[in-house]
């Protein structure tokens, strides 16, 4: 009984955060990737604050985590990686 409100909150955020990008957002994604590549080439990543670097590291870890979860789901078992 207590899990139902928490599940509803989870579903509210899951519908927004785990949804695929809309067609209108593709241009923004391309621009973001271009900006990322240009800042990587120019060395602008060296001028980040510790907070920004920490947040970027956490986002990268989240991407890796979801990759491994997808791999485990695809293989249908955890061991044998």
PDB file of N, CA and C in Angstrom:
ATOM      1  N   UNK A   1       0.829  -1.193   0.000  1.00  0.00           N
ATOM      2  CA  UNK A   1       0.000   0.000   0.000  1.00  0.00           C
ATOM      3  C   UNK A   1       0.867   1.249   0.000  1.00  0.00           C
ATOM      4  N   UNK A   2       1.988   1.197   0.709  1.00  0.00           N
ATOM      5  CA  UNK A   2       2.841   2.380   0.768  1.00  0.00           C
ATOM      6  C   UNK A   2       3.669   2.557  -0.497  1.00  0.00           C
ATOM      7  N   UNK A   3       3.845   1.497  -1.246  1.00  0.00           N
ATOM      8  CA  UNK A   3       4.681   1.577  -2.445  1.00  0.00           C
ATOM      9  C   UNK A   3       3.958   2.263  -3.593  1.00  0.00           C
ATOM     10  N   UNK A   4       2.633   2.291  -3.592  1.00  0.00           N
ATOM     11  CA  UNK A   4       1.872   2.856  -4.707  1.00  0.00           C
ATOM     12  C   UNK A   4       2.189   4.337  -4.951  1.00  0.00           C
ATOM     13  N   UNK A   5       2.209   5.220  -3.929  1.00  0.00           N
ATOM     14  CA  UNK A   5       2.555   6.623  -4.212  1.00  0.00           C
ATOM     15  C   UNK A   5       3.975   6.776  -4.750  1.00  0.00           C
ATOM     16  N   UNK A   6       4.912   6.004  -4.233  1.00  0.00           N
ATOM     17  CA  UNK A   6       6.289   6.097  -4.715  1.00  0.00           C
ATOM     18  C   UNK A   6       6.399   5.589  -6.144  1.00  0.00           C
ATOM     19  N   UNK A   7       5.645   4.554  -6.468  1.00  0.00           N
ATOM     20  CA  UNK A   7       5.639   4.041  -7.839  1.00  0.00           C
ATOM     21  C   UNK A   7       5.047   5.071  -8.791  1.00  0.00           C
ATOM     22  N   UNK A   8       4.004   5.767  -8.360  1.00  0.00           N
ATOM     23  CA  UNK A   8       3.405   6.805  -9.205  1.00  0.00           C
ATOM     24  C   UNK A   8       4.389   7.943  -9.456  1.00  0.00           C
ATOM     25  N   UNK A   9       5.142   8.314  -8.436  1.00  0.00           N
ATOM     26  CA  UNK A   9       6.162   9.358  -8.609  1.00  0.00           C
ATOM     27  C   UNK A   9       7.246   8.863  -9.561  1.00  0.00           C
ATOM     28  N   UNK A  10       7.670   7.608  -9.388  1.00  0.00           N
ATOM     29  CA  UNK A  10       8.666   7.032 -10.286  1.00  0.00           C
ATOM     30  C   UNK A  10       8.174   7.058 -11.731  1.00  0.00           C
ATOM     31  N   UNK A  11       6.944   6.647 -11.958  1.00  0.00           N
ATOM     32  CA  UNK A  11       6.399   6.610 -13.320  1.00  0.00           C
ATOM     33  C   UNK A  11       6.281   8.008 -13.913  1.00  0.00           C
ATOM     34  N   UNK A  12       5.960   8.990 -13.079  1.00  0.00           N
ATOM     35  CA  UNK A  12       5.871  10.374 -13.551  1.00  0.00           C
ATOM     36  C   UNK A  12       7.214  10.824 -14.130  1.00  0.00           C
ATOM     37  N   UNK A  13       8.283  10.566 -13.403  1.00  0.00           N
ATOM     38  CA  UNK A  13       9.605  10.963 -13.873  1.00  0.00           C
ATOM     39  C   UNK A  13      10.122  10.047 -14.976  1.00  0.00           C
ATOM     40  N   UNK A  14       9.795   8.775 -14.925  1.00  0.00           N
ATOM     41  CA  UNK A  14      10.261   7.832 -15.943  1.00  0.00           C
ATOM     42  C   UNK A  14       9.685   8.173 -17.311  1.00  0.00           C
ATOM     43  N   UNK A  15       8.437   8.610 -17.360  1.00  0.00           N
ATOM     44  CA  UNK A  15       7.829   8.980 -18.647  1.00  0.00           C
ATOM     45  C   UNK A  15       8.567  10.144 -19.299  1.00  0.00           C
ATOM     46  N   UNK A  16       9.087  11.045 -18.485  1.00  0.00           N
ATOM     47  CA  UNK A  16       9.781  12.217 -19.019  1.00  0.00           C
ATOM     48  C   UNK A  16      11.250  11.911 -19.292  1.00  0.00           C
ATOM     49  N   UNK A  17      11.933  11.323 -18.324  1.00  0.00           N
ATOM     50  CA  UNK A  17      13.382  11.151 -18.411  1.00  0.00           C
ATOM     51  C   UNK A  17      13.812   9.994 -19.302  1.00  0.00           C
ATOM     52  N   UNK A  18      13.016   8.946 -19.394  1.00  0.00           N
ATOM     53  CA  UNK A  18      13.411   7.774 -20.163  1.00  0.00           C
ATOM     54  C   UNK A  18      12.758   7.723 -21.538  1.00  0.00           C
ATOM     55  N   UNK A  19      12.067   8.780 -21.912  1.00  0.00           N
ATOM     56  CA  UNK A  19      11.417   8.820 -23.223  1.00  0.00           C
ATOM     57  C   UNK A  19      12.459   9.108 -24.303  1.00  0.00           C
ATOM     58  N   UNK A  20      12.272   8.575 -25.501  1.00  0.00           N
ATOM     59  CA  UNK A  20      13.203   8.888 -26.587  1.00  0.00           C
ATOM     60  C   UNK A  20      13.066  10.353 -26.997  1.00  0.00           C
ATOM     61  N   UNK A  21      14.091  10.919 -27.620  1.00  0.00           N
ATOM     62  CA  UNK A  21      14.011  12.329 -28.015  1.00  0.00           C
ATOM     63  C   UNK A  21      12.958  12.548 -29.092  1.00  0.00           C
ATOM     64  N   UNK A  22      12.360  13.734 -29.043  1.00  0.00           N
ATOM     65  CA  UNK A  22      11.366  14.108 -30.049  1.00  0.00           C
ATOM     66  C   UNK A  22      12.095  14.581 -31.297  1.00  0.00           C
ATOM     67  N   UNK A  23      11.397  14.606 -32.411  1.00  0.00           N
ATOM     68  CA  UNK A  23      11.996  15.040 -33.677  1.00  0.00           C
ATOM     69  C   UNK A  23      12.465  16.487 -33.564  1.00  0.00           C
ATOM     70  N   UNK A  24      11.724  17.307 -32.831  1.00  0.00           N
ATOM     71  CA  UNK A  24      12.098  18.715 -32.687  1.00  0.00           C
ATOM     72  C   UNK A  24      13.374  18.895 -31.864  1.00  0.00           C
ATOM     73  N   UNK A  25      13.763  17.912 -31.085  1.00  0.00           N
ATOM     74  CA  UNK A  25      14.953  18.018 -30.247  1.00  0.00           C
ATOM     75  C   UNK A  25      16.228  17.557 -30.940  1.00  0.00           C
ATOM     76  N   UNK A  26      16.120  16.983 -32.116  1.00  0.00           N
ATOM     77  CA  UNK A  26      17.293  16.438 -32.804  1.00  0.00           C
ATOM     78  C   UNK A  26      18.285  17.539 -33.172  1.00  0.00           C
ATOM     79  N   UNK A  27      17.788  18.707 -33.571  1.00  0.00           N
ATOM     80  CA  UNK A  27      18.690  19.818 -33.902  1.00  0.00           C
ATOM     81  C   UNK A  27      19.491  20.249 -32.673  1.00  0.00           C
ATOM     82  N   UNK A  28      18.849  20.284 -31.520  1.00  0.00           N
ATOM     83  CA  UNK A  28      19.553  20.646 -30.285  1.00  0.00           C
ATOM     84  C   UNK A  28      20.611  19.601 -29.932  1.00  0.00           C
ATOM     85  N   UNK A  29      20.303  18.348 -30.184  1.00  0.00           N
ATOM     86  CA  UNK A  29      21.259  17.274 -29.895  1.00  0.00           C
ATOM     87  C   UNK A  29      22.483  17.410 -30.793  1.00  0.00           C
ATOM     88  N   UNK A  30      22.257  17.678 -32.087  1.00  0.00           N
ATOM     89  CA  UNK A  30      23.383  17.864 -33.012  1.00  0.00           C
ATOM     90  C   UNK A  30      24.244  19.046 -32.596  1.00  0.00           C
ATOM     91  N   UNK A  31      23.603  20.149 -32.198  1.00  0.00           N
ATOM     92  CA  UNK A  31      24.355  21.325 -31.762  1.00  0.00           C
ATOM     93  C   UNK A  31      25.156  21.017 -30.496  1.00  0.00           C
ATOM     94  N   UNK A  32      24.571  20.273 -29.586  1.00  0.00           N
ATOM     95  CA  UNK A  32      25.270  19.912 -28.353  1.00  0.00           C
ATOM     96  C   UNK A  32      26.470  19.023 -28.612  1.00  0.00           C
ATOM     97  N   UNK A  33      26.323  18.077 -29.530  1.00  0.00           N
ATOM     98  CA  UNK A  33      27.448  17.202 -29.876  1.00  0.00           C
ATOM     99  C   UNK A  33      28.557  18.006 -30.542  1.00  0.00           C
ATOM    100  N   UNK A  34      28.183  18.923 -31.428  1.00  0.00           N
ATOM    101  CA  UNK A  34      29.182  19.781 -32.069  1.00  0.00           C
ATOM    102  C   UNK A  34      29.928  20.632 -31.061  1.00  0.00           C
ATOM    103  N   UNK A  35      29.194  21.181 -30.090  1.00  0.00           N
ATOM    104  CA  UNK A  35      29.819  21.993 -29.047  1.00  0.00           C
ATOM    105  C   UNK A  35      30.751  21.137 -28.186  1.00  0.00           C
ATOM    106  N   UNK A  36      30.322  19.926 -27.884  1.00  0.00           N
ATOM    107  CA  UNK A  36      31.146  19.014 -27.089  1.00  0.00           C
ATOM    108  C   UNK A  36      32.449  18.683 -27.807  1.00  0.00           C
ATOM    109  N   UNK A  37      32.358  18.373 -29.092  1.00  0.00           N
ATOM    110  CA  UNK A  37      33.559  18.034 -29.858  1.00  0.00           C
ATOM    111  C   UNK A  37      34.506  19.219 -29.989  1.00  0.00           C
ATOM    112  N   UNK A  38      33.956  20.415 -30.229  1.00  0.00           N
ATOM    113  CA  UNK A  38      34.826  21.585 -30.372  1.00  0.00           C
ATOM    114  C   UNK A  38      35.500  21.940 -29.047  1.00  0.00           C
ATOM    115  N   UNK A  39      34.784  21.790 -27.934  1.00  0.00           N
ATOM    116  CA  UNK A  39      35.416  22.088 -26.646  1.00  0.00           C
ATOM    117  C   UNK A  39      36.447  21.026 -26.277  1.00  0.00           C
ATOM    118  N   UNK A  40      36.237  19.793 -26.722  1.00  0.00           N
ATOM    119  CA  UNK A  40      37.228  18.745 -26.463  1.00  0.00           C
ATOM    120  C   UNK A  40      38.504  19.010 -27.252  1.00  0.00           C
ATOM    121  N   UNK A  41      38.354  19.486 -28.481  1.00  0.00           N
ATOM    122  CA  UNK A  41      39.531  19.769 -29.314  1.00  0.00           C
ATOM    123  C   UNK A  41      40.287  20.998 -28.824  1.00  0.00           C
ATOM    124  N   UNK A  42      39.563  22.010 -28.353  1.00  0.00           N
ATOM    125  CA  UNK A  42      40.215  23.254 -27.953  1.00  0.00           C
ATOM    126  C   UNK A  42      40.767  23.213 -26.528  1.00  0.00           C
ATOM    127  N   UNK A  43      40.405  22.196 -25.758  1.00  0.00           N
ATOM    128  CA  UNK A  43      40.887  22.107 -24.383  1.00  0.00           C
ATOM    129  C   UNK A  43      40.058  22.909 -23.404  1.00  0.00           C
ATOM    130  N   UNK A  44      38.846  23.307 -23.794  1.00  0.00           N
ATOM    131  CA  UNK A  44      37.988  24.083 -22.899  1.00  0.00           C
ATOM    132  C   UNK A  44      37.541  23.270 -21.685  1.00  0.00           C
ATOM    133  N   UNK A  45      37.636  21.964 -21.779  1.00  0.00           N
ATOM    134  CA  UNK A  45      37.239  21.118 -20.651  1.00  0.00           C
ATOM    135  C   UNK A  45      38.163  21.314 -19.449  1.00  0.00           C
ATOM    136  N   UNK A  46      39.344  21.879 -19.687  1.00  0.00           N
ATOM    137  CA  UNK A  46      40.284  22.113 -18.590  1.00  0.00           C
ATOM    138  C   UNK A  46      39.851  23.276 -17.698  1.00  0.00           C
ATOM    139  N   UNK A  47      38.938  24.109 -18.184  1.00  0.00           N
ATOM    140  CA  UNK A  47      38.510  25.294 -17.448  1.00  0.00           C
ATOM    141  C   UNK A  47      37.235  25.063 -16.642  1.00  0.00           C
ATOM    142  N   UNK A  48      36.893  23.833 -16.361  1.00  0.00           N
ATOM    143  CA  UNK A  48      35.695  23.539 -15.582  1.00  0.00           C
ATOM    144  C   UNK A  48      35.982  23.641 -14.093  1.00  0.00           C
ATOM    145  N   UNK A  49      34.925  23.951 -13.355  1.00  0.00           N
ATOM    146  CA  UNK A  49      35.059  23.926 -11.902  1.00  0.00           C
ATOM    147  C   UNK A  49      35.000  22.475 -11.436  1.00  0.00           C
ATOM    148  N   UNK A  50      35.357  22.260 -10.184  1.00  0.00           N
ATOM    149  CA  UNK A  50      35.315  20.910  -9.626  1.00  0.00           C
ATOM    150  C   UNK A  50      33.874  20.396  -9.624  1.00  0.00           C
ATOM    151  N   UNK A  51      32.929  21.285  -9.336  1.00  0.00           N
ATOM    152  CA  UNK A  51      31.519  20.889  -9.312  1.00  0.00           C
ATOM    153  C   UNK A  51      31.063  20.438 -10.699  1.00  0.00           C
ATOM    154  N   UNK A  52      31.418  21.197 -11.740  1.00  0.00           N
ATOM    155  CA  UNK A  52      31.040  20.825 -13.103  1.00  0.00           C
ATOM    156  C   UNK A  52      31.689  19.505 -13.508  1.00  0.00           C
ATOM    157  N   UNK A  53      32.953  19.336 -13.164  1.00  0.00           N
ATOM    158  CA  UNK A  53      33.652  18.095 -13.505  1.00  0.00           C
ATOM    159  C   UNK A  53      33.036  16.907 -12.777  1.00  0.00           C
ATOM    160  N   UNK A  54      32.646  17.105 -11.527  1.00  0.00           N
ATOM    161  CA  UNK A  54      32.004  16.032 -10.767  1.00  0.00           C
ATOM    162  C   UNK A  54      30.673  15.650 -11.390  1.00  0.00           C
ATOM    163  N   UNK A  55      29.872  16.645 -11.747  1.00  0.00           N
ATOM    164  CA  UNK A  55      28.580  16.362 -12.372  1.00  0.00           C
ATOM    165  C   UNK A  55      28.752  15.663 -13.715  1.00  0.00           C
ATOM    166  N   UNK A  56      29.720  16.099 -14.503  1.00  0.00           N
ATOM    167  CA  UNK A  56      29.972  15.442 -15.789  1.00  0.00           C
ATOM    168  C   UNK A  56      30.429  14.000 -15.593  1.00  0.00           C
ATOM    169  N   UNK A  57      31.237  13.764 -14.568  1.00  0.00           N
ATOM    170  CA  UNK A  57      31.673  12.403 -14.269  1.00  0.00           C
ATOM    171  C   UNK A  57      30.493  11.530 -13.865  1.00  0.00           C
ATOM    172  N   UNK A  58      29.594  12.076 -13.051  1.00  0.00           N
ATOM    173  CA  UNK A  58      28.415  11.317 -12.639  1.00  0.00           C
ATOM    174  C   UNK A  58      27.511  10.994 -13.825  1.00  0.00           C
ATOM    175  N   UNK A  59      27.368  11.928 -14.743  1.00  0.00           N
ATOM    176  CA  UNK A  59      26.561  11.667 -15.939  1.00  0.00           C
ATOM    177  C   UNK A  59      27.211  10.573 -16.777  1.00  0.00           C
ATOM    178  N   UNK A  60      28.520  10.632 -16.923  1.00  0.00           N
ATOM    179  CA  UNK A  60      29.229   9.588 -17.659  1.00  0.00           C
ATOM    180  C   UNK A  60      29.083   8.227 -17.001  1.00  0.00           C
ATOM    181  N   UNK A  61      29.145   8.198 -15.676  1.00  0.00           N
ATOM    182  CA  UNK A  61      28.960   6.939 -14.960  1.00  0.00           C
ATOM    183  C   UNK A  61      27.540   6.407 -15.139  1.00  0.00           C
ATOM    184  N   UNK A  62      26.566   7.309 -15.189  1.00  0.00           N
ATOM    185  CA  UNK A  62      25.184   6.881 -15.409  1.00  0.00           C
ATOM    186  C   UNK A  62      25.018   6.258 -16.788  1.00  0.00           C
ATOM    187  N   UNK A  63      25.652   6.850 -17.787  1.00  0.00           N
ATOM    188  CA  UNK A  63      25.581   6.295 -19.144  1.00  0.00           C
ATOM    189  C   UNK A  63      26.193   4.899 -19.170  1.00  0.00           C
ATOM    190  N   UNK A  64      27.342   4.744 -18.534  1.00  0.00           N
ATOM    191  CA  UNK A  64      27.995   3.428 -18.481  1.00  0.00           C
ATOM    192  C   UNK A  64      27.124   2.428 -17.728  1.00  0.00           C
ATOM    193  N   UNK A  65      26.511   2.868 -16.624  1.00  0.00           N
ATOM    194  CA  UNK A  65      25.634   1.997 -15.853  1.00  0.00           C
ATOM    195  C   UNK A  65      24.480   1.495 -16.707  1.00  0.00           C
ATOM    196  N   UNK A  66      23.813   2.390 -17.430  1.00  0.00           N
ATOM    197  CA  UNK A  66      22.677   1.970 -18.264  1.00  0.00           C
ATOM    198  C   UNK A  66      23.141   1.057 -19.391  1.00  0.00           C
ATOM    199  N   UNK A  67      24.364   1.263 -19.890  1.00  0.00           N
ATOM    200  CA  UNK A  67      24.907   0.364 -20.907  1.00  0.00           C
ATOM    201  C   UNK A  67      25.033  -1.047 -20.345  1.00  0.00           C
ATOM    202  N   UNK A  68      25.619  -1.167 -19.143  1.00  0.00           N
ATOM    203  CA  UNK A  68      25.795  -2.486 -18.546  1.00  0.00           C
ATOM    204  C   UNK A  68      24.462  -3.134 -18.187  1.00  0.00           C
ATOM    205  N   UNK A  69      23.505  -2.343 -17.740  1.00  0.00           N
ATOM    206  CA  UNK A  69      22.177  -2.893 -17.462  1.00  0.00           C
ATOM    207  C   UNK A  69      21.570  -3.437 -18.752  1.00  0.00           C
ATOM    208  N   UNK A  70      21.712  -2.705 -19.841  1.00  0.00           N
ATOM    209  CA  UNK A  70      21.210  -3.181 -21.128  1.00  0.00           C
ATOM    210  C   UNK A  70      21.911  -4.444 -21.587  1.00  0.00           C
ATOM    211  N   UNK A  71      23.209  -4.520 -21.349  1.00  0.00           N
ATOM    212  CA  UNK A  71      23.950  -5.733 -21.697  1.00  0.00           C
ATOM    213  C   UNK A  71      23.444  -6.930 -20.900  1.00  0.00           C
ATOM    214  N   UNK A  72      23.229  -6.735 -19.604  1.00  0.00           N
ATOM    215  CA  UNK A  72      22.739  -7.837 -18.763  1.00  0.00           C
ATOM    216  C   UNK A  72      21.336  -8.255 -19.176  1.00  0.00           C
ATOM    217  N   UNK A  73      20.498  -7.302 -19.526  1.00  0.00           N
ATOM    218  CA  UNK A  73      19.150  -7.636 -19.987  1.00  0.00           C
ATOM    219  C   UNK A  73      19.226  -8.376 -21.311  1.00  0.00           C
ATOM    220  N   UNK A  74      20.090  -7.923 -22.198  1.00  0.00           N
ATOM    221  CA  UNK A  74      20.213  -8.563 -23.505  1.00  0.00           C
ATOM    222  C   UNK A  74      20.732  -9.982 -23.419  1.00  0.00           C
ATOM    223  N   UNK A  75      21.664 -10.217 -22.498  1.00  0.00           N
ATOM    224  CA  UNK A  75      22.222 -11.564 -22.342  1.00  0.00           C
ATOM    225  C   UNK A  75      21.364 -12.431 -21.439  1.00  0.00           C
ATOM    226  N   UNK A  76      20.463 -11.825 -20.703  1.00  0.00           N
ATOM    227  CA  UNK A  76      19.543 -12.490 -19.780  1.00  0.00           C
ATOM    228  C   UNK A  76      20.238 -13.147 -18.593  1.00  0.00           C
ATOM    229  N   UNK A  77      21.442 -12.716 -18.269  1.00  0.00           N
ATOM    230  CA  UNK A  77      22.090 -13.127 -17.026  1.00  0.00           C
ATOM    231  C   UNK A  77      23.239 -12.178 -16.730  1.00  0.00           C
ATOM    232  N   UNK A  78      23.642 -12.145 -15.472  1.00  0.00           N
ATOM    233  CA  UNK A  78      24.658 -11.186 -15.036  1.00  0.00           C
ATOM    234  C   UNK A  78      26.059 -11.752 -15.198  1.00  0.00           C
ATOM    235  N   UNK A  79      26.259 -13.020 -14.862  1.00  0.00           N
ATOM    236  CA  UNK A  79      27.592 -13.606 -14.913  1.00  0.00           C
ATOM    237  C   UNK A  79      28.006 -13.928 -16.348  1.00  0.00           C
ATOM    238  N   UNK A  80      29.295 -14.055 -16.539  1.00  0.00           N
ATOM    239  CA  UNK A  80      29.821 -14.407 -17.850  1.00  0.00           C
ATOM    240  C   UNK A  80      30.085 -13.212 -18.727  1.00  0.00           C
ATOM    241  N   UNK A  81      30.330 -12.067 -18.116  1.00  0.00           N
ATOM    242  CA  UNK A  81      30.537 -10.867 -18.915  1.00  0.00           C
ATOM    243  C   UNK A  81      31.936 -10.805 -19.422  1.00  0.00           C
TER     244      UNK A  81
END
